[in-house]
N, C-alpha and C. Protein backbone atom coordinates (compact mmCIF):
# COMPACT_ATOMS: atom_id res chain seq x y z
N MET A 1 -1.32 -29.20 -27.13
CA MET A 1 -0.33 -28.53 -27.35
C MET A 1 1.51 -28.79 -28.12
N SER A 2 1.84 -28.17 -28.88
CA SER A 2 2.69 -28.13 -29.30
C SER A 2 3.93 -28.09 -28.33
N ALA A 3 4.64 -29.12 -29.20
CA ALA A 3 6.59 -29.17 -28.49
C ALA A 3 6.58 -27.84 -28.36
N ILE A 4 7.34 -27.19 -29.54
CA ILE A 4 7.46 -25.41 -29.74
C ILE A 4 6.59 -24.37 -28.73
N ALA A 5 4.90 -24.74 -28.71
CA ALA A 5 4.85 -24.02 -28.09
C ALA A 5 4.90 -24.42 -26.29
N GLN A 6 4.96 -25.70 -26.03
CA GLN A 6 5.50 -25.55 -24.50
C GLN A 6 6.92 -25.15 -23.99
N VAL A 7 8.12 -25.26 -24.91
CA VAL A 7 9.72 -25.45 -25.02
C VAL A 7 8.97 -23.56 -24.50
N ALA A 8 8.31 -22.81 -25.52
CA ALA A 8 8.38 -21.17 -25.14
C ALA A 8 7.73 -20.86 -23.85
N VAL A 9 6.74 -22.04 -23.51
CA VAL A 9 6.11 -21.79 -22.01
C VAL A 9 7.07 -21.84 -20.58
N VAL A 10 7.71 -22.32 -21.23
CA VAL A 10 8.84 -22.45 -20.06
C VAL A 10 10.11 -21.37 -19.79
N VAL A 11 10.25 -20.59 -21.35
CA VAL A 11 11.33 -20.18 -21.52
C VAL A 11 10.16 -18.40 -20.81
N ALA A 12 9.18 -18.40 -21.51
CA ALA A 12 8.39 -17.18 -21.20
C ALA A 12 8.12 -16.79 -19.22
N ALA A 13 8.09 -18.21 -18.81
CA ALA A 13 8.04 -18.57 -17.43
C ALA A 13 9.57 -18.25 -16.96
N LEU A 14 11.19 -18.72 -17.51
CA LEU A 14 11.72 -18.48 -16.96
C LEU A 14 12.54 -16.86 -16.78
N VAL A 15 11.75 -16.30 -17.96
CA VAL A 15 11.90 -14.92 -17.94
C VAL A 15 11.34 -14.44 -17.07
N HIS A 16 10.36 -14.60 -16.63
CA HIS A 16 9.22 -13.86 -15.39
C HIS A 16 10.23 -14.01 -14.23
N VAL A 17 10.62 -15.57 -13.95
CA VAL A 17 11.34 -15.47 -12.14
C VAL A 17 12.40 -15.02 -12.05
N VAL A 18 13.39 -14.78 -13.80
CA VAL A 18 14.46 -14.11 -13.66
C VAL A 18 13.54 -12.43 -13.31
N VAL A 19 13.32 -11.79 -13.89
CA VAL A 19 12.58 -10.24 -13.47
C VAL A 19 12.34 -10.17 -12.14
N TRP A 20 11.62 -11.61 -11.75
CA TRP A 20 11.47 -11.48 -10.75
C TRP A 20 12.57 -10.96 -9.16
N ILE A 21 13.49 -12.23 -9.81
CA ILE A 21 14.59 -11.92 -8.57
C ILE A 21 15.59 -10.58 -8.82
N CYS A 22 15.30 -10.63 -10.28
CA CYS A 22 15.84 -8.70 -10.28
C CYS A 22 15.64 -7.68 -10.12
N GLU A 23 14.15 -7.95 -10.10
CA GLU A 23 13.34 -6.56 -9.13
C GLU A 23 13.00 -6.48 -7.74
N ALA A 24 13.02 -7.69 -7.31
CA ALA A 24 12.25 -8.15 -5.87
C ALA A 24 13.68 -8.15 -4.89
N PHE A 25 14.61 -8.34 -5.58
CA PHE A 25 15.39 -8.85 -4.39
C PHE A 25 16.95 -8.32 -5.27
N LEU A 26 17.09 -8.04 -6.03
CA LEU A 26 18.46 -7.12 -6.61
C LEU A 26 18.21 -5.62 -7.06
N ILE A 27 17.28 -4.87 -7.25
CA ILE A 27 17.03 -4.12 -7.29
C ILE A 27 18.36 -2.93 -7.72
N GLY A 28 19.01 -3.20 -6.57
CA GLY A 28 20.31 -2.77 -5.95
C GLY A 28 21.04 -2.70 -6.68
N ARG A 29 21.19 -3.49 -7.65
CA ARG A 29 22.75 -4.01 -8.15
C ARG A 29 22.21 -3.45 -9.71
N VAL A 30 21.01 -4.04 -10.07
CA VAL A 30 20.74 -3.87 -11.69
C VAL A 30 20.03 -2.97 -11.90
N HIS A 31 19.58 -1.98 -10.77
CA HIS A 31 19.14 -0.73 -11.57
C HIS A 31 19.87 0.13 -12.71
N LEU A 32 20.72 -0.31 -12.62
CA LEU A 32 21.52 0.71 -14.63
C LEU A 32 21.31 -0.12 -15.36
N SER A 33 21.73 -1.36 -15.01
CA SER A 33 21.23 -2.10 -16.35
C SER A 33 19.85 -2.79 -16.78
N MET A 34 19.29 -2.87 -16.06
CA MET A 34 17.74 -3.83 -16.61
C MET A 34 17.13 -2.12 -16.58
N PHE A 35 17.04 -0.65 -15.72
CA PHE A 35 16.35 0.72 -15.96
C PHE A 35 16.42 1.14 -15.92
N GLY A 36 18.37 1.58 -15.71
CA GLY A 36 18.53 2.91 -16.42
C GLY A 36 18.30 3.59 -15.35
N GLN A 37 17.66 3.39 -14.16
CA GLN A 37 17.84 4.44 -12.85
C GLN A 37 19.40 4.46 -12.31
N PRO A 38 19.83 5.64 -11.88
CA PRO A 38 20.98 6.13 -11.10
C PRO A 38 21.12 5.15 -9.51
N ALA A 39 21.87 5.06 -8.73
CA ALA A 39 21.50 4.92 -7.48
C ALA A 39 20.94 5.60 -6.63
N ASP A 40 20.78 6.66 -7.01
CA ASP A 40 20.28 7.49 -6.16
C ASP A 40 18.93 7.65 -6.00
N HIS A 41 18.44 6.54 -7.37
CA HIS A 41 17.08 6.58 -7.91
C HIS A 41 16.78 5.42 -7.17
N VAL A 42 17.24 4.43 -6.74
CA VAL A 42 16.45 2.66 -5.94
C VAL A 42 15.82 3.45 -4.88
N PRO A 43 16.29 4.05 -4.00
CA PRO A 43 14.89 4.46 -2.35
C PRO A 43 13.95 4.57 -2.95
N ALA A 44 13.39 5.26 -4.12
CA ALA A 44 11.71 5.93 -4.36
C ALA A 44 11.57 4.40 -5.16
N ILE A 45 11.88 4.01 -5.83
CA ILE A 45 11.91 2.98 -6.64
C ILE A 45 11.73 2.04 -6.35
N ARG A 46 11.93 0.64 -5.19
CA ARG A 46 12.40 -0.16 -4.74
C ARG A 46 11.34 -1.01 -3.85
N LEU A 47 9.70 -0.02 -3.79
CA LEU A 47 8.30 -0.33 -3.61
C LEU A 47 7.77 -1.37 -4.22
N TRP A 48 7.93 -0.08 -5.32
CA TRP A 48 7.65 -0.26 -6.81
C TRP A 48 8.09 -1.87 -7.23
N ALA A 49 9.31 -1.71 -7.25
CA ALA A 49 10.33 -2.97 -8.63
C ALA A 49 9.96 -4.52 -7.18
N PHE A 50 9.62 -4.02 -6.09
CA PHE A 50 9.63 -5.62 -5.34
C PHE A 50 7.94 -5.39 -5.60
N GLY A 51 6.95 -5.06 -5.27
CA GLY A 51 5.73 -5.70 -6.29
C GLY A 51 5.28 -5.49 -7.52
N VAL A 52 6.50 -5.23 -8.36
CA VAL A 52 6.45 -5.38 -9.76
C VAL A 52 6.95 -6.62 -9.92
N GLY A 53 8.13 -6.87 -9.46
CA GLY A 53 8.65 -8.31 -9.58
C GLY A 53 7.30 -9.80 -9.03
N PHE A 54 7.10 -9.40 -8.20
CA PHE A 54 6.92 -10.27 -7.37
C PHE A 54 5.06 -10.67 -8.54
N TYR A 55 4.77 -9.56 -9.29
CA TYR A 55 3.27 -9.60 -9.83
C TYR A 55 4.40 -10.47 -11.51
N ASN A 56 5.12 -9.92 -11.70
CA ASN A 56 6.46 -11.03 -12.60
C ASN A 56 6.30 -12.61 -12.17
N LEU A 57 6.23 -13.11 -11.04
CA LEU A 57 6.31 -14.35 -9.95
C LEU A 57 5.06 -14.98 -11.10
N PHE A 58 4.11 -14.08 -10.75
CA PHE A 58 2.82 -14.64 -10.05
C PHE A 58 2.23 -14.76 -11.87
N LEU A 59 2.79 -14.10 -12.75
CA LEU A 59 3.10 -14.73 -14.25
C LEU A 59 3.01 -15.51 -14.81
N ALA A 60 4.42 -16.07 -14.26
CA ALA A 60 5.61 -17.95 -14.50
C ALA A 60 4.55 -18.68 -13.99
N CYS A 61 4.22 -18.15 -12.12
CA CYS A 61 3.13 -19.40 -11.77
C CYS A 61 1.95 -20.17 -12.20
N GLY A 62 1.39 -18.75 -12.63
CA GLY A 62 -0.10 -18.95 -14.10
C GLY A 62 0.91 -20.02 -14.98
N LEU A 63 1.78 -19.41 -15.67
CA LEU A 63 2.24 -20.89 -17.12
C LEU A 63 2.70 -22.14 -15.96
N VAL A 64 3.41 -21.94 -15.15
CA VAL A 64 3.56 -23.30 -15.02
C VAL A 64 2.17 -24.22 -14.22
N ALA A 65 1.30 -23.48 -13.76
CA ALA A 65 -0.28 -24.43 -13.49
C ALA A 65 -0.94 -25.00 -14.61
N GLY A 66 -0.98 -24.10 -15.87
CA GLY A 66 -1.19 -24.32 -17.15
C GLY A 66 -0.79 -25.43 -17.52
N LEU A 67 0.41 -25.38 -17.53
CA LEU A 67 1.46 -26.77 -17.68
C LEU A 67 1.18 -27.70 -17.34
N VAL A 68 0.82 -28.15 -15.73
CA VAL A 68 0.62 -28.88 -15.29
C VAL A 68 -0.48 -29.37 -15.40
N ALA A 69 -1.81 -28.83 -15.69
CA ALA A 69 -2.72 -29.15 -16.11
C ALA A 69 -3.08 -29.79 -17.07
N LEU A 70 -2.44 -28.90 -18.14
CA LEU A 70 -2.01 -29.57 -19.18
C LEU A 70 -2.09 -30.91 -19.41
N HIS A 71 -0.79 -31.62 -18.95
CA HIS A 71 0.01 -32.85 -18.94
C HIS A 71 -0.79 -33.79 -17.27
N GLY A 72 -1.58 -32.68 -16.87
CA GLY A 72 -2.27 -33.73 -15.50
C GLY A 72 -3.77 -34.40 -16.37
N GLY A 73 -4.13 -33.52 -17.55
CA GLY A 73 -5.44 -34.74 -17.96
C GLY A 73 -6.17 -33.04 -18.13
N HIS A 74 -6.45 -32.06 -17.86
CA HIS A 74 -6.97 -30.95 -17.42
C HIS A 74 -6.90 -30.22 -19.00
N GLU A 75 -7.03 -30.76 -20.20
CA GLU A 75 -6.53 -29.75 -21.29
C GLU A 75 -6.57 -28.93 -21.76
N LEU A 76 -8.35 -28.57 -21.26
CA LEU A 76 -8.76 -27.27 -21.75
C LEU A 76 -8.94 -26.00 -20.94
N VAL A 77 -8.83 -26.36 -18.74
CA VAL A 77 -8.48 -25.29 -18.01
C VAL A 77 -6.74 -25.04 -18.60
N GLY A 78 -5.51 -26.00 -18.91
CA GLY A 78 -4.38 -25.86 -19.30
C GLY A 78 -4.21 -25.07 -20.18
N ARG A 79 -4.97 -25.52 -21.27
CA ARG A 79 -4.95 -24.50 -22.38
C ARG A 79 -5.03 -22.93 -21.98
N THR A 80 -6.46 -22.83 -21.52
CA THR A 80 -6.95 -21.68 -21.22
C THR A 80 -5.96 -20.86 -20.05
N LEU A 81 -5.71 -21.50 -19.18
CA LEU A 81 -4.88 -21.04 -18.71
C LEU A 81 -3.58 -20.42 -18.75
N VAL A 82 -2.94 -20.72 -19.98
CA VAL A 82 -1.60 -20.39 -20.86
C VAL A 82 -2.03 -19.59 -21.66
N PHE A 83 -3.06 -19.71 -22.26
CA PHE A 83 -3.24 -18.40 -23.60
C PHE A 83 -3.67 -17.24 -22.53
N TYR A 84 -4.08 -17.29 -21.75
CA TYR A 84 -4.48 -16.22 -21.04
C TYR A 84 -3.19 -15.52 -20.64
N VAL A 85 -2.46 -16.32 -19.76
CA VAL A 85 -1.25 -16.25 -19.34
C VAL A 85 -0.65 -15.23 -20.63
N CYS A 86 -0.23 -15.73 -21.65
CA CYS A 86 0.22 -15.45 -22.26
C CYS A 86 -0.12 -13.95 -23.48
N TRP A 87 -1.41 -14.16 -22.81
CA TRP A 87 -2.05 -12.97 -23.57
C TRP A 87 -1.78 -11.56 -22.93
N PHE A 88 -1.84 -11.72 -21.24
CA PHE A 88 -1.37 -11.07 -20.56
C PHE A 88 -0.51 -10.49 -20.58
N MET A 89 0.88 -11.30 -20.83
CA MET A 89 2.23 -11.09 -21.61
C MET A 89 2.71 -10.06 -22.30
N LEU A 90 1.61 -10.54 -23.36
CA LEU A 90 1.90 -10.10 -24.76
C LEU A 90 1.53 -8.70 -24.56
N ALA A 91 0.05 -8.56 -23.89
CA ALA A 91 -0.17 -7.12 -23.94
C ALA A 91 1.18 -6.53 -22.84
N GLY A 92 1.51 -6.92 -22.14
CA GLY A 92 2.11 -6.07 -21.09
C GLY A 92 3.46 -5.63 -21.78
N SER A 93 4.41 -6.47 -23.11
CA SER A 93 5.16 -5.88 -23.84
C SER A 93 4.69 -5.11 -24.55
N VAL A 94 3.48 -5.04 -25.33
CA VAL A 94 3.21 -3.80 -25.95
C VAL A 94 3.20 -2.52 -24.68
N VAL A 95 2.47 -2.88 -24.01
CA VAL A 95 2.59 -1.08 -23.03
C VAL A 95 3.85 -0.79 -22.46
N LEU A 96 4.77 -1.35 -22.34
CA LEU A 96 6.49 -1.27 -22.26
C LEU A 96 6.72 -0.70 -23.70
N ALA A 97 6.22 -1.48 -25.24
CA ALA A 97 6.86 -0.95 -25.68
C ALA A 97 6.20 1.00 -26.06
N VAL A 98 4.97 0.93 -25.78
CA VAL A 98 4.48 2.53 -25.89
C VAL A 98 5.28 3.52 -25.17
N ALA A 99 5.51 2.63 -23.37
CA ALA A 99 6.24 3.29 -22.71
C ALA A 99 7.50 4.06 -22.81
N ASP A 100 8.25 3.08 -23.39
CA ASP A 100 9.05 3.58 -24.14
C ASP A 100 9.49 4.57 -25.39
N GLN A 101 8.60 4.06 -26.29
CA GLN A 101 8.00 5.47 -27.52
C GLN A 101 8.54 6.79 -26.83
N LEU A 102 7.52 6.62 -25.49
CA LEU A 102 6.82 8.41 -24.64
C LEU A 102 8.08 8.38 -23.97
N ALA A 103 9.66 8.18 -23.60
CA ALA A 103 9.98 7.90 -22.97
C ALA A 103 9.63 8.04 -21.19
N LEU A 104 8.87 7.39 -21.26
CA LEU A 104 8.08 7.54 -19.28
C LEU A 104 9.36 7.36 -18.17
N SER A 105 10.47 6.50 -18.61
CA SER A 105 11.76 6.69 -17.38
C SER A 105 12.73 6.57 -18.33
N ARG A 106 13.51 6.45 -19.90
CA ARG A 106 14.45 6.85 -20.23
C ARG A 106 14.65 7.19 -21.60
N PRO A 107 15.52 7.96 -22.24
CA PRO A 107 15.43 7.98 -23.29
C PRO A 107 14.84 6.77 -24.86
N ARG A 108 13.55 7.21 -25.75
CA ARG A 108 13.56 6.29 -26.17
C ARG A 108 14.56 5.06 -26.76
N ASN A 109 13.64 4.19 -27.04
CA ASN A 109 14.60 2.79 -28.04
C ASN A 109 16.01 2.32 -26.76
N GLN A 110 15.19 2.42 -25.76
CA GLN A 110 16.22 1.59 -24.28
C GLN A 110 15.36 0.87 -23.86
N ALA A 111 14.01 -0.10 -24.19
CA ALA A 111 13.93 -0.53 -23.48
C ALA A 111 13.37 -1.88 -24.54
N TRP A 112 14.02 -1.98 -25.77
CA TRP A 112 13.42 -3.22 -26.80
C TRP A 112 13.87 -4.46 -25.71
N GLY A 113 15.24 -4.30 -25.26
CA GLY A 113 15.58 -5.70 -24.85
C GLY A 113 14.42 -6.46 -23.94
N GLY A 114 14.10 -5.88 -23.07
CA GLY A 114 12.82 -5.69 -21.66
C GLY A 114 11.45 -6.12 -22.87
N VAL A 115 11.15 -5.16 -24.25
CA VAL A 115 9.97 -5.86 -24.75
C VAL A 115 9.97 -6.80 -25.89
N VAL A 116 10.99 -7.54 -25.77
CA VAL A 116 11.56 -8.75 -26.90
C VAL A 116 11.15 -9.76 -25.65
N ALA A 117 11.50 -9.93 -24.56
CA ALA A 117 12.23 -11.16 -23.67
C ALA A 117 11.06 -11.57 -22.92
N GLU A 118 10.04 -10.20 -22.79
CA GLU A 118 8.66 -10.28 -22.23
C GLU A 118 7.78 -11.13 -23.19
N GLY A 119 7.52 -10.40 -24.59
CA GLY A 119 6.24 -10.49 -25.30
C GLY A 119 6.77 -11.68 -26.20
N LEU A 120 8.15 -12.30 -26.65
CA LEU A 120 8.56 -13.42 -27.86
C LEU A 120 7.87 -14.30 -27.37
N PRO A 121 8.31 -15.10 -26.01
CA PRO A 121 8.12 -16.23 -25.66
C PRO A 121 6.71 -16.41 -25.99
N PRO A 122 5.77 -15.66 -24.83
CA PRO A 122 4.58 -15.41 -25.44
C PRO A 122 3.91 -15.51 -26.99
N LEU A 123 4.08 -14.62 -27.72
CA LEU A 123 4.09 -14.72 -29.16
C LEU A 123 4.38 -15.92 -30.02
N VAL A 124 5.12 -16.77 -29.12
CA VAL A 124 5.90 -18.44 -29.87
C VAL A 124 4.51 -19.46 -29.38
N VAL A 125 4.34 -19.26 -28.48
CA VAL A 125 3.47 -19.79 -27.95
C VAL A 125 1.56 -19.57 -28.46
N LEU A 126 1.64 -18.97 -28.72
CA LEU A 126 0.11 -18.47 -29.10
C LEU A 126 -0.01 -18.91 -30.72
N VAL A 127 1.30 -18.62 -31.09
CA VAL A 127 1.52 -19.01 -32.57
C VAL A 127 1.90 -20.17 -32.69
N PHE A 128 2.06 -21.33 -32.11
CA PHE A 128 2.29 -22.53 -32.29
C PHE A 128 1.36 -23.72 -31.64
N ALA A 129 0.86 -23.15 -30.76
CA ALA A 129 -0.25 -23.39 -29.60
C ALA A 129 -1.36 -24.00 -30.56
C-alpha cells in the first residue's frame, strides 16, 4: 500500500476518533456547531450521539487494525480490512450527503463539511492503494 494511502488511513482514523469524542462526550458543547441542533434538543439526541460516537471509534479501530496487520506481515488481511472500512466510510459519507439534500436535520447544504471529512480520506486510500 502506498505511503499516500497509508497517510490517508491515519487521517481517516483520526477524523473518526475526533468525531467519537465530540459525539460521545462533548455533545453538550458541539450540538450547534457540528449538528445544527439547539441546546434544548441535546437531551433528545444524547443517547443517539453516544452510540453513533462509538460506531465512529470502531471504524477508526478497524483502520488501525488493518495498518497493524499490514505492517505485521499480514498484507492480505491488512489490505482487506482497510479497504472494507474505507468503503464503509465512503458509503456513510454518501448517505450523509443524501440526508443533507433531503434536509433531514437542518436546511440543505449545511453538512458538506462532514461529508468531505468522512468521505475524502477513505476515497484517497481507495484511489492510491
